[in-house]
């Protein structure tokens, strides 16, 4: 088996098909959440859509979430006068039905049932308000920092990734991140992968991944990313700080050394789809019983 055939099989194992139990559960929960929000904010007409990895096509089985954006019209005050009001009112509403874990801009939903309390539903609700009638750019409340708000654009984020031509590389790098417990945000990792592969879109997948790791190992200090939805207004440097860069460089170096000594399977494991699927399902079930600590959140993943 060639290296690229192996990597293709790794991705196949990590793909959540439309008929998978995980995706069906997410979609059913999404319908439930949307219905609840529309009923609670009956005096408004919020735009409720998929965001994050589901919309971008970068979802992996080993670590997946569903972002549900809930944006209100720019001149609508039913959900709240300010962005902070909208965030707080959405949280208060959702707490009637779910255990809600507040993040910087999102609300993580978990099971409120006494017997299964804290089970993660893998869903983040992202409340916000459109900036104008075009319903394109939107403001989100940010609980950290001085500005307390963020201007973003869901469609720009989605298209930037979908049109990148390096979706497979992004998915493999997300798997590498999860397997190594790296703290870099998925959104920032996606931007880094796209930037580093700008001139290597036609290269073999293995060559793309090795190039990224080599750049992380040798040139991490020169790496920077920009938010495509608001390049001058949203500073991402804090999300790619010296600690994050140091970890990326160290793990990338170890990974390249591991491939050199033991091959690609030492990094991504077996491609026995049945065995891997059973292993992943067991890990998912175990993780679902653990109440995860609060983690900051910014943009879609």
C-alpha atoms as a PDB file:
ATOM      1  CA  UNK A   1       0.000   0.000   0.000  1.00  0.00           C
ATOM      2  CA  UNK A   2       1.363   3.422  -0.949  1.00  0.00           C
ATOM      3  CA  UNK A   3       1.579   6.208   1.625  1.00  0.00           C
ATOM      4  CA  UNK A   4      -1.156   8.209  -0.084  1.00  0.00           C
ATOM      5  CA  UNK A   5      -3.450   5.168  -0.270  1.00  0.00           C
ATOM      6  CA  UNK A   6      -2.863   4.650   3.435  1.00  0.00           C
ATOM      7  CA  UNK A   7      -3.698   8.283   4.229  1.00  0.00           C
ATOM      8  CA  UNK A   8      -6.852   8.046   2.118  1.00  0.00           C
ATOM      9  CA  UNK A   9      -7.943   5.077   4.208  1.00  0.00           C
ATOM     10  CA  UNK A  10      -7.186   6.972   7.410  1.00  0.00           C
ATOM     11  CA  UNK A  11      -9.527   9.696   6.194  1.00  0.00           C
ATOM     12  CA  UNK A  12     -12.166   7.144   5.221  1.00  0.00           C
ATOM     13  CA  UNK A  13     -12.172   5.767   8.764  1.00  0.00           C
ATOM     14  CA  UNK A  14     -12.562   9.322  10.093  1.00  0.00           C
ATOM     15  CA  UNK A  15     -15.485  10.171   7.803  1.00  0.00           C
ATOM     16  CA  UNK A  16     -18.933  10.529   9.320  1.00  0.00           C
ATOM     17  CA  UNK A  17     -21.366   9.395   6.648  1.00  0.00           C
ATOM     18  CA  UNK A  18     -24.856  10.832   6.369  1.00  0.00           C
ATOM     19  CA  UNK A  19     -26.215   7.544   7.719  1.00  0.00           C
ATOM     20  CA  UNK A  20     -23.807   7.360  10.672  1.00  0.00           C
ATOM     21  CA  UNK A  21     -25.294   7.243  14.161  1.00  0.00           C
ATOM     22  CA  UNK A  22     -23.233  10.248  15.226  1.00  0.00           C
ATOM     23  CA  UNK A  23     -24.390  12.497  12.393  1.00  0.00           C
ATOM     24  CA  UNK A  24     -27.997  11.369  12.688  1.00  0.00           C
ATOM     25  CA  UNK A  25     -27.932  12.210  16.396  1.00  0.00           C
ATOM     26  CA  UNK A  26     -26.426  15.635  15.666  1.00  0.00           C
ATOM     27  CA  UNK A  27     -29.004  16.419  13.007  1.00  0.00           C
ATOM     28  CA  UNK A  28     -31.895  15.330  15.219  1.00  0.00           C
ATOM     29  CA  UNK A  29     -30.571  17.463  18.055  1.00  0.00           C
ATOM     30  CA  UNK A  30     -30.090  20.383  15.683  1.00  0.00           C
ATOM     31  CA  UNK A  31     -33.766  20.233  14.679  1.00  0.00           C
ATOM     32  CA  UNK A  32     -34.726  20.129  18.346  1.00  0.00           C
ATOM     33  CA  UNK A  33     -32.513  23.102  19.233  1.00  0.00           C
ATOM     34  CA  UNK A  34     -33.702  25.191  16.290  1.00  0.00           C
ATOM     35  CA  UNK A  35     -37.356  24.529  17.125  1.00  0.00           C
ATOM     36  CA  UNK A  36     -36.742  25.496  20.744  1.00  0.00           C
ATOM     37  CA  UNK A  37     -34.994  28.755  19.832  1.00  0.00           C
ATOM     38  CA  UNK A  38     -37.648  29.778  17.311  1.00  0.00           C
ATOM     39  CA  UNK A  39     -40.404  29.117  19.838  1.00  0.00           C
ATOM     40  CA  UNK A  40     -38.638  30.990  22.610  1.00  0.00           C
ATOM     41  CA  UNK A  41     -37.862  33.998  20.405  1.00  0.00           C
ATOM     42  CA  UNK A  42     -41.205  33.841  18.632  1.00  0.00           C
ATOM     43  CA  UNK A  43     -41.316  37.606  18.197  1.00  0.00           C
ATOM     44  CA  UNK A  44     -38.194  37.518  16.047  1.00  0.00           C
ATOM     45  CA  UNK A  45     -37.022  35.765  12.889  1.00  0.00           C
ATOM     46  CA  UNK A  46     -33.475  34.545  13.609  1.00  0.00           C
ATOM     47  CA  UNK A  47     -31.311  32.997  10.906  1.00  0.00           C
ATOM     48  CA  UNK A  48     -30.275  29.549  12.149  1.00  0.00           C
ATOM     49  CA  UNK A  49     -27.633  27.634  10.194  1.00  0.00           C
ATOM     50  CA  UNK A  50     -24.854  25.113  10.386  1.00  0.00           C
ATOM     51  CA  UNK A  51     -21.372  26.455  11.001  1.00  0.00           C
ATOM     52  CA  UNK A  52     -17.994  24.951  11.851  1.00  0.00           C
ATOM     53  CA  UNK A  53     -16.651  21.683  10.507  1.00  0.00           C
ATOM     54  CA  UNK A  54     -20.042  20.383   9.341  1.00  0.00           C
ATOM     55  CA  UNK A  55     -20.498  23.319   6.987  1.00  0.00           C
ATOM     56  CA  UNK A  56     -16.851  23.365   5.908  1.00  0.00           C
ATOM     57  CA  UNK A  57     -16.544  19.638   5.221  1.00  0.00           C
ATOM     58  CA  UNK A  58     -13.679  19.178   7.707  1.00  0.00           C
ATOM     59  CA  UNK A  59     -15.424  17.020  10.311  1.00  0.00           C
ATOM     60  CA  UNK A  60     -13.570  13.981  11.682  1.00  0.00           C
ATOM     61  CA  UNK A  61     -15.071  11.117  13.636  1.00  0.00           C
ATOM     62  CA  UNK A  62     -12.542  11.238  16.456  1.00  0.00           C
ATOM     63  CA  UNK A  63     -13.423  14.780  17.507  1.00  0.00           C
ATOM     64  CA  UNK A  64     -16.526  16.422  16.109  1.00  0.00           C
ATOM     65  CA  UNK A  65     -18.852  19.252  17.035  1.00  0.00           C
ATOM     66  CA  UNK A  66     -21.785  20.973  15.420  1.00  0.00           C
ATOM     67  CA  UNK A  67     -21.962  24.758  15.488  1.00  0.00           C
ATOM     68  CA  UNK A  68     -25.481  26.142  15.264  1.00  0.00           C
ATOM     69  CA  UNK A  69     -25.355  29.859  14.542  1.00  0.00           C
ATOM     70  CA  UNK A  70     -28.385  31.892  15.599  1.00  0.00           C
ATOM     71  CA  UNK A  71     -28.153  35.417  14.197  1.00  0.00           C
ATOM     72  CA  UNK A  72     -30.874  38.000  14.801  1.00  0.00           C
ATOM     73  CA  UNK A  73     -31.772  40.897  12.434  1.00  0.00           C
ATOM     74  CA  UNK A  74     -29.648  44.013  13.003  1.00  0.00           C
ATOM     75  CA  UNK A  75     -32.624  46.161  14.062  1.00  0.00           C
ATOM     76  CA  UNK A  76     -34.345  43.475  16.147  1.00  0.00           C
ATOM     77  CA  UNK A  77     -34.296  43.873  19.928  1.00  0.00           C
ATOM     78  CA  UNK A  78     -36.576  40.953  20.799  1.00  0.00           C
ATOM     79  CA  UNK A  79     -33.588  38.828  21.799  1.00  0.00           C
ATOM     80  CA  UNK A  80     -31.892  41.733  23.580  1.00  0.00           C
ATOM     81  CA  UNK A  81     -30.801  45.335  23.267  1.00  0.00           C
ATOM     82  CA  UNK A  82     -27.073  44.564  23.230  1.00  0.00           C
ATOM     83  CA  UNK A  83     -24.887  41.676  22.086  1.00  0.00           C
ATOM     84  CA  UNK A  84     -24.297  40.747  25.707  1.00  0.00           C
ATOM     85  CA  UNK A  85     -28.070  40.717  26.256  1.00  0.00           C
ATOM     86  CA  UNK A  86     -28.545  38.409  23.273  1.00  0.00           C
ATOM     87  CA  UNK A  87     -25.885  36.036  24.585  1.00  0.00           C
ATOM     88  CA  UNK A  88     -27.313  36.058  28.114  1.00  0.00           C
ATOM     89  CA  UNK A  89     -30.924  35.668  26.968  1.00  0.00           C
ATOM     90  CA  UNK A  90     -30.018  32.760  24.705  1.00  0.00           C
ATOM     91  CA  UNK A  91     -28.172  31.107  27.595  1.00  0.00           C
ATOM     92  CA  UNK A  92     -31.102  31.621  29.985  1.00  0.00           C
ATOM     93  CA  UNK A  93     -33.501  30.180  27.425  1.00  0.00           C
ATOM     94  CA  UNK A  94     -31.393  27.111  26.639  1.00  0.00           C
ATOM     95  CA  UNK A  95     -30.860  26.382  30.348  1.00  0.00           C
ATOM     96  CA  UNK A  96     -34.543  25.474  30.577  1.00  0.00           C
ATOM     97  CA  UNK A  97     -33.842  22.411  28.453  1.00  0.00           C
ATOM     98  CA  UNK A  98     -30.085  21.793  28.546  1.00  0.00           C
ATOM     99  CA  UNK A  99     -27.067  21.975  30.783  1.00  0.00           C
ATOM    100  CA  UNK A 100     -25.277  24.963  29.239  1.00  0.00           C
ATOM    101  CA  UNK A 101     -21.531  25.544  29.373  1.00  0.00           C
ATOM    102  CA  UNK A 102     -20.739  29.180  28.479  1.00  0.00           C
ATOM    103  CA  UNK A 103     -17.727  29.811  26.263  1.00  0.00           C
ATOM    104  CA  UNK A 104     -16.259  33.050  24.979  1.00  0.00           C
ATOM    105  CA  UNK A 105     -18.938  33.431  22.300  1.00  0.00           C
ATOM    106  CA  UNK A 106     -20.758  30.104  22.192  1.00  0.00           C
ATOM    107  CA  UNK A 107     -23.009  28.036  24.417  1.00  0.00           C
ATOM    108  CA  UNK A 108     -22.134  24.347  24.709  1.00  0.00           C
ATOM    109  CA  UNK A 109     -25.126  22.060  25.192  1.00  0.00           C
ATOM    110  CA  UNK A 110     -25.071  19.002  27.445  1.00  0.00           C
ATOM    111  CA  UNK A 111     -27.638  16.678  28.945  1.00  0.00           C
ATOM    112  CA  UNK A 112     -29.687  18.075  31.821  1.00  0.00           C
ATOM    113  CA  UNK A 113     -31.307  14.744  32.680  1.00  0.00           C
ATOM    114  CA  UNK A 114     -30.465  13.652  36.240  1.00  0.00           C
ATOM    115  CA  UNK A 115     -29.340  10.168  35.182  1.00  0.00           C
ATOM    116  CA  UNK A 116     -27.168  11.305  32.275  1.00  0.00           C
ATOM    117  CA  UNK A 117     -26.327  14.820  33.434  1.00  0.00           C
ATOM    118  CA  UNK A 118     -23.323  16.327  31.712  1.00  0.00           C
ATOM    119  CA  UNK A 119     -23.266  14.033  28.668  1.00  0.00           C
ATOM    120  CA  UNK A 120     -21.919  16.136  25.835  1.00  0.00           C
ATOM    121  CA  UNK A 121     -24.231  16.666  22.851  1.00  0.00           C
ATOM    122  CA  UNK A 122     -21.317  17.977  20.711  1.00  0.00           C
ATOM    123  CA  UNK A 123     -23.302  21.124  19.931  1.00  0.00           C
ATOM    124  CA  UNK A 124     -22.346  24.792  20.284  1.00  0.00           C
ATOM    125  CA  UNK A 125     -25.009  27.464  19.832  1.00  0.00           C
ATOM    126  CA  UNK A 126     -23.524  30.748  18.610  1.00  0.00           C
ATOM    127  CA  UNK A 127     -25.865  33.733  19.125  1.00  0.00           C
ATOM    128  CA  UNK A 128     -25.230  37.015  17.358  1.00  0.00           C
ATOM    129  CA  UNK A 129     -26.710  39.915  15.415  1.00  0.00           C
ATOM    130  CA  UNK A 130     -26.323  40.862  11.746  1.00  0.00           C
ATOM    131  CA  UNK A 131     -24.655  44.207  11.126  1.00  0.00           C
ATOM    132  CA  UNK A 132     -27.185  45.298   8.477  1.00  0.00           C
ATOM    133  CA  UNK A 133     -30.029  44.186   6.200  1.00  0.00           C
ATOM    134  CA  UNK A 134     -27.650  42.259   3.926  1.00  0.00           C
ATOM    135  CA  UNK A 135     -27.434  39.522   6.563  1.00  0.00           C
ATOM    136  CA  UNK A 136     -23.831  38.842   5.715  1.00  0.00           C
ATOM    137  CA  UNK A 137     -21.500  40.268   8.375  1.00  0.00           C
ATOM    138  CA  UNK A 138     -22.474  39.690  11.993  1.00  0.00           C
ATOM    139  CA  UNK A 139     -21.384  40.779  15.443  1.00  0.00           C
ATOM    140  CA  UNK A 140     -20.803  38.236  18.204  1.00  0.00           C
ATOM    141  CA  UNK A 141     -20.470  38.928  21.902  1.00  0.00           C
ATOM    142  CA  UNK A 142     -17.018  38.134  23.298  1.00  0.00           C
ATOM    143  CA  UNK A 143     -16.775  37.603  27.049  1.00  0.00           C
ATOM    144  CA  UNK A 144     -13.012  38.236  27.003  1.00  0.00           C
ATOM    145  CA  UNK A 145     -10.951  41.212  25.873  1.00  0.00           C
ATOM    146  CA  UNK A 146     -11.719  44.923  25.834  1.00  0.00           C
ATOM    147  CA  UNK A 147     -13.957  45.216  22.779  1.00  0.00           C
ATOM    148  CA  UNK A 148     -16.481  42.615  23.960  1.00  0.00           C
ATOM    149  CA  UNK A 149     -17.586  42.062  20.388  1.00  0.00           C
ATOM    150  CA  UNK A 150     -16.304  40.467  17.212  1.00  0.00           C
ATOM    151  CA  UNK A 151     -17.237  41.191  13.624  1.00  0.00           C
ATOM    152  CA  UNK A 152     -17.337  38.025  11.554  1.00  0.00           C
ATOM    153  CA  UNK A 153     -18.853  36.462   8.445  1.00  0.00           C
ATOM    154  CA  UNK A 154     -19.935  32.835   8.442  1.00  0.00           C
ATOM    155  CA  UNK A 155     -20.092  32.513   4.650  1.00  0.00           C
ATOM    156  CA  UNK A 156     -16.582  33.911   4.194  1.00  0.00           C
ATOM    157  CA  UNK A 157     -15.180  31.434   6.720  1.00  0.00           C
ATOM    158  CA  UNK A 158     -16.957  28.490   5.128  1.00  0.00           C
ATOM    159  CA  UNK A 159     -15.990  29.367   1.564  1.00  0.00           C
ATOM    160  CA  UNK A 160     -12.390  30.134   2.517  1.00  0.00           C
ATOM    161  CA  UNK A 161     -12.010  26.551   3.703  1.00  0.00           C
ATOM    162  CA  UNK A 162     -14.220  24.831   1.120  1.00  0.00           C
ATOM    163  CA  UNK A 163     -12.447  26.592  -1.758  1.00  0.00           C
ATOM    164  CA  UNK A 164      -8.968  26.014  -0.345  1.00  0.00           C
ATOM    165  CA  UNK A 165      -8.348  22.805  -2.280  1.00  0.00           C
ATOM    166  CA  UNK A 166      -6.690  21.223   0.775  1.00  0.00           C
ATOM    167  CA  UNK A 167      -9.628  19.787   2.731  1.00  0.00           C
ATOM    168  CA  UNK A 168      -7.959  16.370   3.094  1.00  0.00           C
ATOM    169  CA  UNK A 169      -4.831  17.950   4.555  1.00  0.00           C
ATOM    170  CA  UNK A 170      -6.928  19.986   6.993  1.00  0.00           C
ATOM    171  CA  UNK A 171      -8.760  16.881   8.194  1.00  0.00           C
ATOM    172  CA  UNK A 172      -5.512  14.949   8.699  1.00  0.00           C
ATOM    173  CA  UNK A 173      -3.973  17.845  10.594  1.00  0.00           C
ATOM    174  CA  UNK A 174      -7.045  18.035  12.840  1.00  0.00           C
ATOM    175  CA  UNK A 175      -6.626  14.323  13.576  1.00  0.00           C
ATOM    176  CA  UNK A 176      -2.933  14.895  14.330  1.00  0.00           C
ATOM    177  CA  UNK A 177      -3.905  17.727  16.661  1.00  0.00           C
ATOM    178  CA  UNK A 178      -6.400  15.532  18.557  1.00  0.00           C
ATOM    179  CA  UNK A 179      -4.027  12.569  18.822  1.00  0.00           C
ATOM    180  CA  UNK A 180      -1.324  14.819  20.290  1.00  0.00           C
ATOM    181  CA  UNK A 181      -3.547  16.900  22.558  1.00  0.00           C
ATOM    182  CA  UNK A 182      -2.511  20.206  20.974  1.00  0.00           C
ATOM    183  CA  UNK A 183      -4.290  23.359  22.119  1.00  0.00           C
ATOM    184  CA  UNK A 184      -4.335  25.282  18.831  1.00  0.00           C
ATOM    185  CA  UNK A 185      -7.874  26.259  17.800  1.00  0.00           C
ATOM    186  CA  UNK A 186      -9.230  24.390  14.804  1.00  0.00           C
ATOM    187  CA  UNK A 187     -10.028  27.671  13.090  1.00  0.00           C
ATOM    188  CA  UNK A 188      -6.412  28.835  13.396  1.00  0.00           C
ATOM    189  CA  UNK A 189      -5.050  25.435  12.340  1.00  0.00           C
ATOM    190  CA  UNK A 190      -7.232  25.536   9.226  1.00  0.00           C
ATOM    191  CA  UNK A 191      -5.921  28.980   8.305  1.00  0.00           C
ATOM    192  CA  UNK A 192      -2.321  27.862   8.864  1.00  0.00           C
ATOM    193  CA  UNK A 193      -2.737  24.762   6.689  1.00  0.00           C
ATOM    194  CA  UNK A 194      -4.338  26.780   3.883  1.00  0.00           C
ATOM    195  CA  UNK A 195      -1.588  29.389   4.009  1.00  0.00           C
ATOM    196  CA  UNK A 196       1.277  26.881   4.073  1.00  0.00           C
ATOM    197  CA  UNK A 197      -0.167  24.861   1.192  1.00  0.00           C
ATOM    198  CA  UNK A 198      -1.041  27.825  -1.011  1.00  0.00           C
ATOM    199  CA  UNK A 199       1.554  26.799  -3.596  1.00  0.00           C
ATOM    200  CA  UNK A 200       1.273  23.043  -2.974  1.00  0.00           C
ATOM    201  CA  UNK A 201      -2.385  22.295  -3.699  1.00  0.00           C
ATOM    202  CA  UNK A 202      -1.490  19.774  -6.404  1.00  0.00           C
ATOM    203  CA  UNK A 203       1.166  17.980  -4.360  1.00  0.00           C
ATOM    204  CA  UNK A 204       0.543  14.482  -3.019  1.00  0.00           C
ATOM    205  CA  UNK A 205      -1.237  14.432   0.341  1.00  0.00           C
ATOM    206  CA  UNK A 206       1.781  12.934   2.109  1.00  0.00           C
ATOM    207  CA  UNK A 207       4.011  15.662   0.694  1.00  0.00           C
ATOM    208  CA  UNK A 208       1.548  18.335   1.853  1.00  0.00           C
ATOM    209  CA  UNK A 209       1.454  17.016   5.405  1.00  0.00           C
ATOM    210  CA  UNK A 210       5.228  16.624   5.627  1.00  0.00           C
ATOM    211  CA  UNK A 211       5.645  20.182   4.333  1.00  0.00           C
ATOM    212  CA  UNK A 212       3.348  21.528   7.063  1.00  0.00           C
ATOM    213  CA  UNK A 213       5.197  19.648   9.784  1.00  0.00           C
ATOM    214  CA  UNK A 214       8.555  20.790   8.413  1.00  0.00           C
ATOM    215  CA  UNK A 215       7.390  24.415   8.430  1.00  0.00           C
ATOM    216  CA  UNK A 216       6.078  24.008  11.967  1.00  0.00           C
ATOM    217  CA  UNK A 217       9.396  22.522  13.074  1.00  0.00           C
ATOM    218  CA  UNK A 218      11.763  24.888  11.253  1.00  0.00           C
ATOM    219  CA  UNK A 219       9.882  28.158  10.640  1.00  0.00           C
ATOM    220  CA  UNK A 220       7.170  28.364  13.266  1.00  0.00           C
ATOM    221  CA  UNK A 221       8.276  31.817  14.471  1.00  0.00           C
ATOM    222  CA  UNK A 222       7.484  33.264  11.045  1.00  0.00           C
ATOM    223  CA  UNK A 223       3.986  31.781  10.884  1.00  0.00           C
ATOM    224  CA  UNK A 224       1.021  34.137  11.152  1.00  0.00           C
ATOM    225  CA  UNK A 225      -2.621  33.918  10.107  1.00  0.00           C
ATOM    226  CA  UNK A 226      -5.363  36.402   9.298  1.00  0.00           C
ATOM    227  CA  UNK A 227      -9.108  36.140   9.709  1.00  0.00           C
ATOM    228  CA  UNK A 228     -10.453  36.169   6.122  1.00  0.00           C
ATOM    229  CA  UNK A 229     -13.733  37.716   7.315  1.00  0.00           C
ATOM    230  CA  UNK A 230     -12.060  40.692   8.990  1.00  0.00           C
ATOM    231  CA  UNK A 231      -8.279  40.755   8.377  1.00  0.00           C
ATOM    232  CA  UNK A 232      -7.609  44.164   9.896  1.00  0.00           C
ATOM    233  CA  UNK A 233     -10.215  44.078  12.650  1.00  0.00           C
ATOM    234  CA  UNK A 234      -9.674  40.664  14.232  1.00  0.00           C
ATOM    235  CA  UNK A 235      -6.222  40.077  15.689  1.00  0.00           C
ATOM    236  CA  UNK A 236      -5.436  36.351  15.787  1.00  0.00           C
ATOM    237  CA  UNK A 237      -1.912  36.673  17.158  1.00  0.00           C
ATOM    238  CA  UNK A 238      -3.092  35.763  20.648  1.00  0.00           C
ATOM    239  CA  UNK A 239      -4.408  32.456  19.333  1.00  0.00           C
ATOM    240  CA  UNK A 240      -1.018  31.655  17.801  1.00  0.00           C
ATOM    241  CA  UNK A 241       1.163  32.774  20.675  1.00  0.00           C
ATOM    242  CA  UNK A 242       4.608  31.543  21.698  1.00  0.00           C
ATOM    243  CA  UNK A 243       3.232  28.663  23.764  1.00  0.00           C
ATOM    244  CA  UNK A 244       1.049  27.368  20.929  1.00  0.00           C
ATOM    245  CA  UNK A 245       3.899  27.769  18.448  1.00  0.00           C
ATOM    246  CA  UNK A 246       6.357  26.018  20.731  1.00  0.00           C
ATOM    247  CA  UNK A 247       4.085  23.024  21.129  1.00  0.00           C
ATOM    248  CA  UNK A 248       3.444  22.816  17.384  1.00  0.00           C
ATOM    249  CA  UNK A 249       7.168  22.909  16.628  1.00  0.00           C
ATOM    250  CA  UNK A 250       8.049  20.277  19.218  1.00  0.00           C
ATOM    251  CA  UNK A 251       5.324  17.816  18.248  1.00  0.00           C
ATOM    252  CA  UNK A 252       5.925  18.333  14.526  1.00  0.00           C
ATOM    253  CA  UNK A 253       9.599  17.546  15.040  1.00  0.00           C
ATOM    254  CA  UNK A 254       8.798  14.383  16.976  1.00  0.00           C
ATOM    255  CA  UNK A 255       6.264  13.348  14.349  1.00  0.00           C
ATOM    256  CA  UNK A 256       8.720  13.695  11.470  1.00  0.00           C
ATOM    257  CA  UNK A 257      11.307  11.708  13.428  1.00  0.00           C
ATOM    258  CA  UNK A 258       8.712   9.026  14.153  1.00  0.00           C
ATOM    259  CA  UNK A 259       7.832   8.690  10.475  1.00  0.00           C
ATOM    260  CA  UNK A 260      11.514   8.378   9.662  1.00  0.00           C
ATOM    261  CA  UNK A 261      12.046   5.593  12.176  1.00  0.00           C
ATOM    262  CA  UNK A 262       8.725   3.748  12.220  1.00  0.00           C
ATOM    263  CA  UNK A 263       6.607   4.880   9.272  1.00  0.00           C
ATOM    264  CA  UNK A 264       3.237   6.639   8.947  1.00  0.00           C
ATOM    265  CA  UNK A 265       1.258   4.034  10.883  1.00  0.00           C
ATOM    266  CA  UNK A 266       3.171   5.062  13.992  1.00  0.00           C
ATOM    267  CA  UNK A 267       1.471   8.457  13.620  1.00  0.00           C
ATOM    268  CA  UNK A 268      -2.072   7.653  12.490  1.00  0.00           C
ATOM    269  CA  UNK A 269      -2.399   3.976  13.421  1.00  0.00           C
ATOM    270  CA  UNK A 270      -4.032   1.032  11.711  1.00  0.00           C
ATOM    271  CA  UNK A 271      -6.415   1.432   8.790  1.00  0.00           C
ATOM    272  CA  UNK A 272      -8.455  -1.640   9.636  1.00  0.00           C
ATOM    273  CA  UNK A 273     -11.748   0.243   9.256  1.00  0.00           C
ATOM    274  CA  UNK A 274     -13.830  -2.106  11.382  1.00  0.00           C
ATOM    275  CA  UNK A 275     -11.257  -2.229  14.167  1.00  0.00           C
ATOM    276  CA  UNK A 276     -10.702   1.532  14.120  1.00  0.00           C
ATOM    277  CA  UNK A 277     -14.416   2.305  14.014  1.00  0.00           C
ATOM    278  CA  UNK A 278     -15.021   0.077  17.031  1.00  0.00           C
ATOM    279  CA  UNK A 279     -12.111   1.698  18.877  1.00  0.00           C
ATOM    280  CA  UNK A 280     -13.328   5.202  18.054  1.00  0.00           C
ATOM    281  CA  UNK A 281     -16.875   4.370  19.139  1.00  0.00           C
ATOM    282  CA  UNK A 282     -15.596   3.015  22.449  1.00  0.00           C
ATOM    283  CA  UNK A 283     -13.571   6.187  23.004  1.00  0.00           C
ATOM    284  CA  UNK A 284     -16.554   8.337  22.076  1.00  0.00           C
ATOM    285  CA  UNK A 285     -18.835   6.535  24.521  1.00  0.00           C
ATOM    286  CA  UNK A 286     -16.271   6.881  27.282  1.00  0.00           C
ATOM    287  CA  UNK A 287     -15.763  10.573  26.547  1.00  0.00           C
ATOM    288  CA  UNK A 288     -19.519  11.182  26.519  1.00  0.00           C
ATOM    289  CA  UNK A 289     -19.737  10.211  30.178  1.00  0.00           C
ATOM    290  CA  UNK A 290     -17.149  12.796  31.230  1.00  0.00           C
ATOM    291  CA  UNK A 291     -18.087  16.389  31.940  1.00  0.00           C
ATOM    292  CA  UNK A 292     -15.442  18.349  30.059  1.00  0.00           C
ATOM    293  CA  UNK A 293     -13.981  21.533  31.554  1.00  0.00           C
ATOM    294  CA  UNK A 294     -14.860  24.917  30.161  1.00  0.00           C
ATOM    295  CA  UNK A 295     -12.696  25.881  27.217  1.00  0.00           C
ATOM    296  CA  UNK A 296     -12.561  29.289  25.524  1.00  0.00           C
ATOM    297  CA  UNK A 297     -14.161  29.485  22.102  1.00  0.00           C
ATOM    298  CA  UNK A 298     -13.744  31.865  19.227  1.00  0.00           C
ATOM    299  CA  UNK A 299     -15.275  31.828  15.755  1.00  0.00           C
ATOM    300  CA  UNK A 300     -16.405  28.436  14.358  1.00  0.00           C
ATOM    301  CA  UNK A 301     -14.164  26.021  16.221  1.00  0.00           C
END
